[in-house]
Amino acid sequence: KQDNVGGLTIDNDIEQRPEVVADWARLPFEDEAFDFGYWDPPYFGYIGVDGDVHYNRLQPCYDEICRVSKRLALLSPLIYPKPQNWIRKAVIAITYGPNKIIRALQVFERK
């Protein structure tokens, strides 16, 4: 909703006024319910003892949006691995965004 992208909006924060209030890690939809999904995940993680930033809190969300979508556009500063049985259609650099960080618009499609 914050990106002003049209279509069905989902958020667990009622103050964002989404059409569906749900946790991204447990979406209330059937497999492949949507022809197209767009996900702009939050840019958070935690610093591990090795000093690396870990984003594993997002993996269940990524798995869920892949489960309910036939195609997916994902906007993130991270390059996500291609889901199993999907093809990567595009990776496009986007330079405008929070803190002017470089993000990639990744587009995936089921095989």
PDB file of N, CA and C in Angstrom:
ATOM      1  N   LYS A   1       0.832  -1.196   0.000  1.00  0.00           N
ATOM      2  CA  LYS A   1       0.000   0.000   0.000  1.00  0.00           C
ATOM      3  C   LYS A   1       0.873   1.255   0.000  1.00  0.00           C
ATOM      4  N   GLN A   2       1.989   1.209   0.713  1.00  0.00           N
ATOM      5  CA  GLN A   2       2.850   2.388   0.808  1.00  0.00           C
ATOM      6  C   GLN A   2       3.468   2.756  -0.531  1.00  0.00           C
ATOM      7  N   ASP A   3       3.584   1.786  -1.457  1.00  0.00           N
ATOM      8  CA  ASP A   3       4.165   2.061  -2.768  1.00  0.00           C
ATOM      9  C   ASP A   3       3.130   2.563  -3.766  1.00  0.00           C
ATOM     10  N   ASN A   4       1.871   2.656  -3.351  1.00  0.00           N
ATOM     11  CA  ASN A   4       0.789   3.118  -4.215  1.00  0.00           C
ATOM     12  C   ASN A   4       0.642   2.274  -5.475  1.00  0.00           C
ATOM     13  N   VAL A   5       0.838   0.968  -5.336  1.00  0.00           N
ATOM     14  CA  VAL A   5       0.635   0.039  -6.439  1.00  0.00           C
ATOM     15  C   VAL A   5      -0.804  -0.433  -6.361  1.00  0.00           C
ATOM     16  N   GLY A   6      -1.510  -0.402  -7.485  1.00  0.00           N
ATOM     17  CA  GLY A   6      -2.900  -0.830  -7.493  1.00  0.00           C
ATOM     18  C   GLY A   6      -3.040  -2.324  -7.292  1.00  0.00           C
ATOM     19  N   GLY A   7      -4.249  -2.760  -7.016  1.00  0.00           N
ATOM     20  CA  GLY A   7      -4.514  -4.183  -6.823  1.00  0.00           C
ATOM     21  C   GLY A   7      -4.795  -4.492  -5.362  1.00  0.00           C
ATOM     22  N   LEU A   8      -4.893  -5.747  -5.053  1.00  0.00           N
ATOM     23  CA  LEU A   8      -5.155  -6.213  -3.697  1.00  0.00           C
ATOM     24  C   LEU A   8      -3.949  -5.926  -2.816  1.00  0.00           C
ATOM     25  N   THR A   9      -4.154  -5.279  -1.689  1.00  0.00           N
ATOM     26  CA  THR A   9      -3.057  -4.984  -0.782  1.00  0.00           C
ATOM     27  C   THR A   9      -3.190  -5.830   0.479  1.00  0.00           C
ATOM     28  N   ILE A  10      -2.042  -6.283   0.972  1.00  0.00           N
ATOM     29  CA  ILE A  10      -1.987  -7.148   2.147  1.00  0.00           C
ATOM     30  C   ILE A  10      -0.969  -6.572   3.115  1.00  0.00           C
ATOM     31  N   ASP A  11      -1.351  -6.482   4.367  1.00  0.00           N
ATOM     32  CA  ASP A  11      -0.436  -6.026   5.406  1.00  0.00           C
ATOM     33  C   ASP A  11      -0.984  -6.512   6.732  1.00  0.00           C
ATOM     34  N   ASN A  12      -0.105  -6.768   7.689  1.00  0.00           N
ATOM     35  CA  ASN A  12      -0.598  -7.135   9.015  1.00  0.00           C
ATOM     36  C   ASN A  12      -0.785  -5.906   9.899  1.00  0.00           C
ATOM     37  N   ASP A  13      -0.461  -4.729   9.359  1.00  0.00           N
ATOM     38  CA  ASP A  13      -0.636  -3.464  10.076  1.00  0.00           C
ATOM     39  C   ASP A  13      -1.940  -2.813   9.598  1.00  0.00           C
ATOM     40  N   ILE A  14      -2.956  -2.865  10.432  1.00  0.00           N
ATOM     41  CA  ILE A  14      -4.287  -2.328  10.087  1.00  0.00           C
ATOM     42  C   ILE A  14      -4.232  -0.844   9.753  1.00  0.00           C
ATOM     43  N   GLU A  15      -3.257  -0.130  10.322  1.00  0.00           N
ATOM     44  CA  GLU A  15      -3.146   1.314  10.070  1.00  0.00           C
ATOM     45  C   GLU A  15      -2.763   1.627   8.622  1.00  0.00           C
ATOM     46  N   GLN A  16      -2.208   0.646   7.896  1.00  0.00           N
ATOM     47  CA  GLN A  16      -1.883   0.840   6.479  1.00  0.00           C
ATOM     48  C   GLN A  16      -3.123   0.713   5.598  1.00  0.00           C
ATOM     49  N   ARG A  17      -4.249   0.320   6.194  1.00  0.00           N
ATOM     50  CA  ARG A  17      -5.541   0.149   5.528  1.00  0.00           C
ATOM     51  C   ARG A  17      -5.464  -0.822   4.329  1.00  0.00           C
ATOM     52  N   PRO A  18      -4.905  -2.016   4.550  1.00  0.00           N
ATOM     53  CA  PRO A  18      -4.882  -2.989   3.453  1.00  0.00           C
ATOM     54  C   PRO A  18      -6.263  -3.586   3.225  1.00  0.00           C
ATOM     55  N   GLU A  19      -6.476  -4.131   2.037  1.00  0.00           N
ATOM     56  CA  GLU A  19      -7.734  -4.840   1.785  1.00  0.00           C
ATOM     57  C   GLU A  19      -7.801  -6.143   2.577  1.00  0.00           C
ATOM     58  N   VAL A  20      -6.630  -6.786   2.759  1.00  0.00           N
ATOM     59  CA  VAL A  20      -6.556  -8.025   3.526  1.00  0.00           C
ATOM     60  C   VAL A  20      -5.537  -7.833   4.646  1.00  0.00           C
ATOM     61  N   VAL A  21      -5.975  -8.060   5.878  1.00  0.00           N
ATOM     62  CA  VAL A  21      -5.060  -8.017   7.023  1.00  0.00           C
ATOM     63  C   VAL A  21      -4.573  -9.442   7.236  1.00  0.00           C
ATOM     64  N   ALA A  22      -3.290  -9.669   6.977  1.00  0.00           N
ATOM     65  CA  ALA A  22      -2.732 -11.010   7.094  1.00  0.00           C
ATOM     66  C   ALA A  22      -1.223 -10.922   7.279  1.00  0.00           C
ATOM     67  N   ASP A  23      -0.672 -11.975   7.804  1.00  0.00           N
ATOM     68  CA  ASP A  23       0.770 -12.128   7.943  1.00  0.00           C
ATOM     69  C   ASP A  23       1.292 -12.693   6.623  1.00  0.00           C
ATOM     70  N   TRP A  24       2.299 -12.075   6.053  1.00  0.00           N
ATOM     71  CA  TRP A  24       2.846 -12.532   4.778  1.00  0.00           C
ATOM     72  C   TRP A  24       3.366 -13.963   4.857  1.00  0.00           C
ATOM     73  N   ALA A  25       3.714 -14.430   6.032  1.00  0.00           N
ATOM     74  CA  ALA A  25       4.237 -15.789   6.175  1.00  0.00           C
ATOM     75  C   ALA A  25       3.122 -16.835   6.198  1.00  0.00           C
ATOM     76  N   ARG A  26       1.859 -16.392   6.269  1.00  0.00           N
ATOM     77  CA  ARG A  26       0.702 -17.305   6.300  1.00  0.00           C
ATOM     78  C   ARG A  26      -0.454 -16.652   5.548  1.00  0.00           C
ATOM     79  N   LEU A  27      -0.356 -16.607   4.230  1.00  0.00           N
ATOM     80  CA  LEU A  27      -1.369 -15.945   3.411  1.00  0.00           C
ATOM     81  C   LEU A  27      -2.628 -16.811   3.296  1.00  0.00           C
ATOM     82  N   PRO A  28      -3.800 -16.183   3.393  1.00  0.00           N
ATOM     83  CA  PRO A  28      -5.069 -16.935   3.381  1.00  0.00           C
ATOM     84  C   PRO A  28      -5.615 -17.199   1.970  1.00  0.00           C
ATOM     85  N   PHE A  29      -4.737 -17.656   1.057  1.00  0.00           N
ATOM     86  CA  PHE A  29      -5.135 -17.885  -0.323  1.00  0.00           C
ATOM     87  C   PHE A  29      -4.690 -19.268  -0.787  1.00  0.00           C
ATOM     88  N   GLU A  30      -5.371 -19.787  -1.820  1.00  0.00           N
ATOM     89  CA  GLU A  30      -5.014 -21.081  -2.400  1.00  0.00           C
ATOM     90  C   GLU A  30      -3.733 -20.960  -3.224  1.00  0.00           C
ATOM     91  N   ASP A  31      -3.109 -22.085  -3.503  1.00  0.00           N
ATOM     92  CA  ASP A  31      -1.934 -22.122  -4.370  1.00  0.00           C
ATOM     93  C   ASP A  31      -2.265 -21.490  -5.724  1.00  0.00           C
ATOM     94  N   GLU A  32      -1.354 -20.677  -6.228  1.00  0.00           N
ATOM     95  CA  GLU A  32      -1.475 -20.015  -7.534  1.00  0.00           C
ATOM     96  C   GLU A  32      -2.792 -19.253  -7.692  1.00  0.00           C
ATOM     97  N   ALA A  33      -3.257 -18.646  -6.621  1.00  0.00           N
ATOM     98  CA  ALA A  33      -4.517 -17.894  -6.650  1.00  0.00           C
ATOM     99  C   ALA A  33      -4.415 -16.622  -7.490  1.00  0.00           C
ATOM    100  N   PHE A  34      -3.203 -16.096  -7.684  1.00  0.00           N
ATOM    101  CA  PHE A  34      -3.022 -14.829  -8.383  1.00  0.00           C
ATOM    102  C   PHE A  34      -2.147 -15.004  -9.617  1.00  0.00           C
ATOM    103  N   ASP A  35      -2.527 -14.328 -10.703  1.00  0.00           N
ATOM    104  CA  ASP A  35      -1.715 -14.354 -11.916  1.00  0.00           C
ATOM    105  C   ASP A  35      -0.408 -13.609 -11.719  1.00  0.00           C
ATOM    106  N   PHE A  36      -0.434 -12.582 -10.874  1.00  0.00           N
ATOM    107  CA  PHE A  36       0.748 -11.749 -10.703  1.00  0.00           C
ATOM    108  C   PHE A  36       0.816 -11.222  -9.271  1.00  0.00           C
ATOM    109  N   GLY A  37       1.999 -11.243  -8.688  1.00  0.00           N
ATOM    110  CA  GLY A  37       2.214 -10.680  -7.360  1.00  0.00           C
ATOM    111  C   GLY A  37       3.360  -9.686  -7.379  1.00  0.00           C
ATOM    112  N   TYR A  38       3.282  -8.683  -6.525  1.00  0.00           N
ATOM    113  CA  TYR A  38       4.350  -7.693  -6.368  1.00  0.00           C
ATOM    114  C   TYR A  38       4.700  -7.651  -4.897  1.00  0.00           C
ATOM    115  N   TRP A  39       5.981  -7.763  -4.585  1.00  0.00           N
ATOM    116  CA  TRP A  39       6.414  -7.765  -3.186  1.00  0.00           C
ATOM    117  C   TRP A  39       7.593  -6.825  -3.025  1.00  0.00           C
ATOM    118  N   ASP A  40       7.467  -5.882  -2.124  1.00  0.00           N
ATOM    119  CA  ASP A  40       8.534  -4.958  -1.754  1.00  0.00           C
ATOM    120  C   ASP A  40       8.792  -5.201  -0.275  1.00  0.00           C
ATOM    121  N   PRO A  41       9.624  -6.215   0.040  1.00  0.00           N
ATOM    122  CA  PRO A  41       9.809  -6.587   1.442  1.00  0.00           C
ATOM    123  C   PRO A  41      10.529  -5.504   2.236  1.00  0.00           C
ATOM    124  N   PRO A  42      10.329  -5.509   3.538  1.00  0.00           N
ATOM    125  CA  PRO A  42      11.061  -4.554   4.382  1.00  0.00           C
ATOM    126  C   PRO A  42      12.549  -4.874   4.346  1.00  0.00           C
ATOM    127  N   TYR A  43      13.351  -3.860   4.505  1.00  0.00           N
ATOM    128  CA  TYR A  43      14.803  -4.026   4.441  1.00  0.00           C
ATOM    129  C   TYR A  43      15.346  -4.115   5.863  1.00  0.00           C
ATOM    130  N   PHE A  44      15.078  -5.219   6.507  1.00  0.00           N
ATOM    131  CA  PHE A  44      15.598  -5.417   7.853  1.00  0.00           C
ATOM    132  C   PHE A  44      16.236  -6.788   7.945  1.00  0.00           C
ATOM    133  N   GLY A  45      17.045  -6.931   8.930  1.00  0.00           N
ATOM    134  CA  GLY A  45      17.694  -8.200   9.202  1.00  0.00           C
ATOM    135  C   GLY A  45      18.317  -8.093  10.570  1.00  0.00           C
ATOM    136  N   TYR A  46      19.177  -9.006  10.885  1.00  0.00           N
ATOM    137  CA  TYR A  46      19.881  -8.882  12.148  1.00  0.00           C
ATOM    138  C   TYR A  46      21.343  -9.227  11.901  1.00  0.00           C
ATOM    139  N   ILE A  47      22.213  -8.695  12.734  1.00  0.00           N
ATOM    140  CA  ILE A  47      23.645  -8.940  12.618  1.00  0.00           C
ATOM    141  C   ILE A  47      23.977 -10.196  13.400  1.00  0.00           C
ATOM    142  N   GLY A  48      24.542 -11.177  12.728  1.00  0.00           N
ATOM    143  CA  GLY A  48      24.928 -12.424  13.380  1.00  0.00           C
ATOM    144  C   GLY A  48      26.273 -12.297  14.059  1.00  0.00           C
ATOM    145  N   VAL A  49      26.668 -13.339  14.780  1.00  0.00           N
ATOM    146  CA  VAL A  49      27.961 -13.328  15.478  1.00  0.00           C
ATOM    147  C   VAL A  49      29.108 -13.241  14.487  1.00  0.00           C
ATOM    148  N   ASP A  50      28.854 -13.638  13.242  1.00  0.00           N
ATOM    149  CA  ASP A  50      29.885 -13.566  12.212  1.00  0.00           C
ATOM    150  C   ASP A  50      29.968 -12.182  11.562  1.00  0.00           C
ATOM    151  N   GLY A  51      29.076 -11.258  11.988  1.00  0.00           N
ATOM    152  CA  GLY A  51      29.074  -9.909  11.445  1.00  0.00           C
ATOM    153  C   GLY A  51      28.245  -9.758  10.190  1.00  0.00           C
ATOM    154  N   ASP A  52      27.722 -10.856   9.660  1.00  0.00           N
ATOM    155  CA  ASP A  52      26.889 -10.804   8.461  1.00  0.00           C
ATOM    156  C   ASP A  52      25.455 -10.420   8.822  1.00  0.00           C
ATOM    157  N   VAL A  53      24.788  -9.766   7.881  1.00  0.00           N
ATOM    158  CA  VAL A  53      23.378  -9.442   8.056  1.00  0.00           C
ATOM    159  C   VAL A  53      22.558 -10.628   7.561  1.00  0.00           C
ATOM    160  N   HIS A  54      21.620 -11.087   8.370  1.00  0.00           N
ATOM    161  CA  HIS A  54      20.792 -12.247   8.035  1.00  0.00           C
ATOM    162  C   HIS A  54      19.351 -11.796   7.807  1.00  0.00           C
ATOM    163  N   TYR A  55      18.769 -12.242   6.729  1.00  0.00           N
ATOM    164  CA  TYR A  55      17.407 -11.859   6.367  1.00  0.00           C
ATOM    165  C   TYR A  55      16.463 -13.051   6.399  1.00  0.00           C
ATOM    166  N   ASN A  56      16.793 -14.086   7.162  1.00  0.00           N
ATOM    167  CA  ASN A  56      15.994 -15.303   7.123  1.00  0.00           C
ATOM    168  C   ASN A  56      14.576 -15.113   7.644  1.00  0.00           C
ATOM    169  N   ARG A  57      14.284 -14.006   8.306  1.00  0.00           N
ATOM    170  CA  ARG A  57      12.908 -13.746   8.734  1.00  0.00           C
ATOM    171  C   ARG A  57      11.997 -13.545   7.535  1.00  0.00           C
ATOM    172  N   LEU A  58      12.566 -13.213   6.382  1.00  0.00           N
ATOM    173  CA  LEU A  58      11.762 -12.974   5.185  1.00  0.00           C
ATOM    174  C   LEU A  58      11.515 -14.240   4.379  1.00  0.00           C
ATOM    175  N   GLN A  59      12.271 -15.300   4.603  1.00  0.00           N
ATOM    176  CA  GLN A  59      12.140 -16.502   3.786  1.00  0.00           C
ATOM    177  C   GLN A  59      10.724 -17.083   3.805  1.00  0.00           C
ATOM    178  N   PRO A  60      10.064 -17.211   4.975  1.00  0.00           N
ATOM    179  CA  PRO A  60       8.685 -17.732   4.950  1.00  0.00           C
ATOM    180  C   PRO A  60       7.733 -16.843   4.138  1.00  0.00           C
ATOM    181  N   CYS A  61       7.960 -15.542   4.155  1.00  0.00           N
ATOM    182  CA  CYS A  61       7.128 -14.622   3.368  1.00  0.00           C
ATOM    183  C   CYS A  61       7.364 -14.837   1.876  1.00  0.00           C
ATOM    184  N   TYR A  62       8.611 -14.977   1.497  1.00  0.00           N
ATOM    185  CA  TYR A  62       8.968 -15.225   0.095  1.00  0.00           C
ATOM    186  C   TYR A  62       8.348 -16.541  -0.389  1.00  0.00           C
ATOM    187  N   ASP A  63       8.445 -17.555   0.436  1.00  0.00           N
ATOM    188  CA  ASP A  63       7.864 -18.857   0.091  1.00  0.00           C
ATOM    189  C   ASP A  63       6.357 -18.739  -0.131  1.00  0.00           C
ATOM    190  N   GLU A  64       5.687 -17.971   0.721  1.00  0.00           N
ATOM    191  CA  GLU A  64       4.236 -17.825   0.628  1.00  0.00           C
ATOM    192  C   GLU A  64       3.805 -17.047  -0.610  1.00  0.00           C
ATOM    193  N   ILE A  65       4.475 -15.940  -0.901  1.00  0.00           N
ATOM    194  CA  ILE A  65       4.064 -15.170  -2.081  1.00  0.00           C
ATOM    195  C   ILE A  65       4.344 -15.971  -3.350  1.00  0.00           C
ATOM    196  N   CYS A  66       5.380 -16.790  -3.347  1.00  0.00           N
ATOM    197  CA  CYS A  66       5.619 -17.673  -4.495  1.00  0.00           C
ATOM    198  C   CYS A  66       4.527 -18.735  -4.585  1.00  0.00           C
ATOM    199  N   ARG A  67       4.085 -19.235  -3.468  1.00  0.00           N
ATOM    200  CA  ARG A  67       3.042 -20.271  -3.450  1.00  0.00           C
ATOM    201  C   ARG A  67       1.742 -19.766  -4.070  1.00  0.00           C
ATOM    202  N   VAL A  68       1.366 -18.521  -3.783  1.00  0.00           N
ATOM    203  CA  VAL A  68       0.062 -18.016  -4.217  1.00  0.00           C
ATOM    204  C   VAL A  68       0.106 -17.278  -5.558  1.00  0.00           C
ATOM    205  N   SER A  69       1.299 -17.121  -6.162  1.00  0.00           N
ATOM    206  CA  SER A  69       1.440 -16.353  -7.409  1.00  0.00           C
ATOM    207  C   SER A  69       1.904 -17.230  -8.561  1.00  0.00           C
ATOM    208  N   LYS A  70       1.508 -16.846  -9.771  1.00  0.00           N
ATOM    209  CA  LYS A  70       2.005 -17.494 -10.985  1.00  0.00           C
ATOM    210  C   LYS A  70       3.209 -16.744 -11.546  1.00  0.00           C
ATOM    211  N   ARG A  71       3.219 -15.431 -11.359  1.00  0.00           N
ATOM    212  CA  ARG A  71       4.339 -14.569 -11.721  1.00  0.00           C
ATOM    213  C   ARG A  71       4.577 -13.638 -10.555  1.00  0.00           C
ATOM    214  N   LEU A  72       5.803 -13.144 -10.412  1.00  0.00           N
ATOM    215  CA  LEU A  72       6.138 -12.314  -9.262  1.00  0.00           C
ATOM    216  C   LEU A  72       7.165 -11.260  -9.638  1.00  0.00           C
ATOM    217  N   ALA A  73       6.911 -10.025  -9.225  1.00  0.00           N
ATOM    218  CA  ALA A  73       7.910  -8.956  -9.291  1.00  0.00           C
ATOM    219  C   ALA A  73       8.308  -8.655  -7.851  1.00  0.00           C
ATOM    220  N   LEU A  74       9.600  -8.609  -7.607  1.00  0.00           N
ATOM    221  CA  LEU A  74      10.125  -8.427  -6.267  1.00  0.00           C
ATOM    222  C   LEU A  74      11.109  -7.268  -6.302  1.00  0.00           C
ATOM    223  N   LEU A  75      10.916  -6.293  -5.434  1.00  0.00           N
ATOM    224  CA  LEU A  75      11.788  -5.122  -5.384  1.00  0.00           C
ATOM    225  C   LEU A  75      12.588  -5.171  -4.088  1.00  0.00           C
ATOM    226  N   SER A  76      13.912  -5.261  -4.206  1.00  0.00           N
ATOM    227  CA  SER A  76      14.736  -5.423  -3.010  1.00  0.00           C
ATOM    228  C   SER A  76      16.186  -5.077  -3.314  1.00  0.00           C
ATOM    229  N   PRO A  77      16.953  -4.663  -2.291  1.00  0.00           N
ATOM    230  CA  PRO A  77      18.390  -4.496  -2.494  1.00  0.00           C
ATOM    231  C   PRO A  77      19.111  -5.845  -2.536  1.00  0.00           C
ATOM    232  N   LEU A  78      18.401  -6.920  -2.214  1.00  0.00           N
ATOM    233  CA  LEU A  78      18.977  -8.263  -2.252  1.00  0.00           C
ATOM    234  C   LEU A  78      18.578  -8.961  -3.547  1.00  0.00           C
ATOM    235  N   ILE A  79      19.440  -9.788  -4.085  1.00  0.00           N
ATOM    236  CA  ILE A  79      19.085 -10.628  -5.216  1.00  0.00           C
ATOM    237  C   ILE A  79      18.614 -11.955  -4.634  1.00  0.00           C
ATOM    238  N   TYR A  80      17.334 -12.218  -4.798  1.00  0.00           N
ATOM    239  CA  TYR A  80      16.745 -13.426  -4.240  1.00  0.00           C
ATOM    240  C   TYR A  80      17.025 -14.619  -5.146  1.00  0.00           C
ATOM    241  N   PRO A  81      17.183 -15.805  -4.565  1.00  0.00           N
ATOM    242  CA  PRO A  81      17.357 -16.987  -5.405  1.00  0.00           C
ATOM    243  C   PRO A  81      16.071 -17.289  -6.168  1.00  0.00           C
ATOM    244  N   LYS A  82      16.227 -17.852  -7.326  1.00  0.00           N
ATOM    245  CA  LYS A  82      15.081 -18.244  -8.145  1.00  0.00           C
ATOM    246  C   LYS A  82      14.359 -19.382  -7.431  1.00  0.00           C
ATOM    247  N   PRO A  83      13.036 -19.258  -7.258  1.00  0.00           N
ATOM    248  CA  PRO A  83      12.301 -20.362  -6.641  1.00  0.00           C
ATOM    249  C   PRO A  83      12.387 -21.616  -7.521  1.00  0.00           C
ATOM    250  N   GLN A  84      12.322 -22.770  -6.888  1.00  0.00           N
ATOM    251  CA  GLN A  84      12.370 -24.028  -7.627  1.00  0.00           C
ATOM    252  C   GLN A  84      11.190 -24.098  -8.597  1.00  0.00           C
ATOM    253  N   ASN A  85      11.454 -24.549  -9.803  1.00  0.00           N
ATOM    254  CA  ASN A  85      10.457 -24.667 -10.883  1.00  0.00           C
ATOM    255  C   ASN A  85       9.952 -23.313 -11.381  1.00  0.00           C
ATOM    256  N   TRP A  86      10.751 -22.273 -11.218  1.00  0.00           N
ATOM    257  CA  TRP A  86      10.453 -20.945 -11.755  1.00  0.00           C
ATOM    258  C   TRP A  86      11.601 -20.553 -12.672  1.00  0.00           C
ATOM    259  N   ILE A  87      11.372 -19.544 -13.519  1.00  0.00           N
ATOM    260  CA  ILE A  87      12.444 -18.957 -14.316  1.00  0.00           C
ATOM    261  C   ILE A  87      12.537 -17.470 -13.972  1.00  0.00           C
ATOM    262  N   ARG A  88      13.750 -16.965 -14.026  1.00  0.00           N
ATOM    263  CA  ARG A  88      13.975 -15.535 -13.796  1.00  0.00           C
ATOM    264  C   ARG A  88      13.833 -14.848 -15.146  1.00  0.00           C
ATOM    265  N   LYS A  89      12.862 -13.940 -15.254  1.00  0.00           N
ATOM    266  CA  LYS A  89      12.604 -13.248 -16.513  1.00  0.00           C
ATOM    267  C   LYS A  89      13.436 -11.979 -16.644  1.00  0.00           C
ATOM    268  N   ALA A  90      13.729 -11.309 -15.522  1.00  0.00           N
ATOM    269  CA  ALA A  90      14.467 -10.043 -15.604  1.00  0.00           C
ATOM    270  C   ALA A  90      15.014  -9.651 -14.240  1.00  0.00           C
ATOM    271  N   VAL A  91      16.100  -8.887 -14.279  1.00  0.00           N
ATOM    272  CA  VAL A  91      16.633  -8.193 -13.105  1.00  0.00           C
ATOM    273  C   VAL A  91      16.961  -6.785 -13.589  1.00  0.00           C
ATOM    274  N   ILE A  92      16.288  -5.793 -13.011  1.00  0.00           N
ATOM    275  CA  ILE A  92      16.428  -4.409 -13.460  1.00  0.00           C
ATOM    276  C   ILE A  92      16.871  -3.560 -12.281  1.00  0.00           C
ATOM    277  N   ALA A  93      17.956  -2.804 -12.439  1.00  0.00           N
ATOM    278  CA  ALA A  93      18.448  -1.937 -11.364  1.00  0.00           C
ATOM    279  C   ALA A  93      17.537  -0.724 -11.218  1.00  0.00           C
ATOM    280  N   ILE A  94      17.167  -0.426  -9.984  1.00  0.00           N
ATOM    281  CA  ILE A  94      16.333   0.729  -9.652  1.00  0.00           C
ATOM    282  C   ILE A  94      17.133   1.551  -8.633  1.00  0.00           C
ATOM    283  N   THR A  95      17.377   2.816  -8.915  1.00  0.00           N
ATOM    284  CA  THR A  95      18.239   3.589  -8.025  1.00  0.00           C
ATOM    285  C   THR A  95      17.507   4.553  -7.114  1.00  0.00           C
ATOM    286  N   TYR A  96      16.219   4.763  -7.340  1.00  0.00           N
ATOM    287  CA  TYR A  96      15.507   5.697  -6.475  1.00  0.00           C
ATOM    288  C   TYR A  96      14.716   4.907  -5.446  1.00  0.00           C
ATOM    289  N   GLY A  97      14.825   5.296  -4.215  1.00  0.00           N
ATOM    290  CA  GLY A  97      14.103   4.607  -3.154  1.00  0.00           C
ATOM    291  C   GLY A  97      14.584   5.102  -1.808  1.00  0.00           C
ATOM    292  N   PRO A  98      14.199   4.394  -0.750  1.00  0.00           N
ATOM    293  CA  PRO A  98      14.620   4.798   0.592  1.00  0.00           C
ATOM    294  C   PRO A  98      16.139   4.913   0.679  1.00  0.00           C
ATOM    295  N   ASN A  99      16.621   5.999   1.172  1.00  0.00           N
ATOM    296  CA  ASN A  99      18.050   6.256   1.344  1.00  0.00           C
ATOM    297  C   ASN A  99      18.842   6.183   0.045  1.00  0.00           C
ATOM    298  N   LYS A 100      18.143   6.235  -1.086  1.00  0.00           N
ATOM    299  CA  LYS A 100      18.777   6.210  -2.413  1.00  0.00           C
ATOM    300  C   LYS A 100      19.652   4.969  -2.619  1.00  0.00           C
ATOM    301  N   ILE A 101      19.293   3.867  -1.997  1.00  0.00           N
ATOM    302  CA  ILE A 101      20.053   2.639  -2.191  1.00  0.00           C
ATOM    303  C   ILE A 101      19.669   2.005  -3.530  1.00  0.00           C
ATOM    304  N   ILE A 102      20.584   1.259  -4.104  1.00  0.00           N
ATOM    305  CA  ILE A 102      20.289   0.558  -5.351  1.00  0.00           C
ATOM    306  C   ILE A 102      19.480  -0.684  -5.014  1.00  0.00           C
ATOM    307  N   ARG A 103      18.357  -0.813  -5.686  1.00  0.00           N
ATOM    308  CA  ARG A 103      17.503  -1.984  -5.512  1.00  0.00           C
ATOM    309  C   ARG A 103      17.372  -2.665  -6.869  1.00  0.00           C
ATOM    310  N   ALA A 104      16.945  -3.896  -6.849  1.00  0.00           N
ATOM    311  CA  ALA A 104      16.726  -4.635  -8.090  1.00  0.00           C
ATOM    312  C   ALA A 104      15.267  -5.040  -8.165  1.00  0.00           C
ATOM    313  N   LEU A 105      14.661  -4.801  -9.319  1.00  0.00           N
ATOM    314  CA  LEU A 105      13.334  -5.318  -9.603  1.00  0.00           C
ATOM    315  C   LEU A 105      13.564  -6.651 -10.305  1.00  0.00           C
ATOM    316  N   GLN A 106      13.190  -7.724  -9.616  1.00  0.00           N
ATOM    317  CA  GLN A 106      13.370  -9.075 -10.140  1.00  0.00           C
ATOM    318  C   GLN A 106      12.009  -9.616 -10.553  1.00  0.00           C
ATOM    319  N   VAL A 107      11.957 -10.221 -11.703  1.00  0.00           N
ATOM    320  CA  VAL A 107      10.700 -10.759 -12.208  1.00  0.00           C
ATOM    321  C   VAL A 107      10.874 -12.268 -12.413  1.00  0.00           C
ATOM    322  N   PHE A 108       9.977 -13.036 -11.803  1.00  0.00           N
ATOM    323  CA  PHE A 108      10.005 -14.498 -11.891  1.00  0.00           C
ATOM    324  C   PHE A 108       8.676 -14.982 -12.472  1.00  0.00           C
ATOM    325  N   GLU A 109       8.743 -16.165 -13.103  1.00  0.00           N
ATOM    326  CA  GLU A 109       7.533 -16.777 -13.651  1.00  0.00           C
ATOM    327  C   GLU A 109       7.644 -18.298 -13.464  1.00  0.00           C
ATOM    328  N   ARG A 110       6.511 -18.914 -13.142  1.00  0.00           N
ATOM    329  CA  ARG A 110       6.507 -20.387 -13.035  1.00  0.00           C
ATOM    330  C   ARG A 110       6.825 -21.007 -14.394  1.00  0.00           C
ATOM    331  N   LYS A 111       7.513 -22.148 -14.370  1.00  0.00           N
ATOM    332  CA  LYS A 111       7.791 -22.875 -15.615  1.00  0.00           C
ATOM    333  C   LYS A 111       6.521 -23.485 -16.137  1.00  0.00           C
TER     334      LYS A 111
END
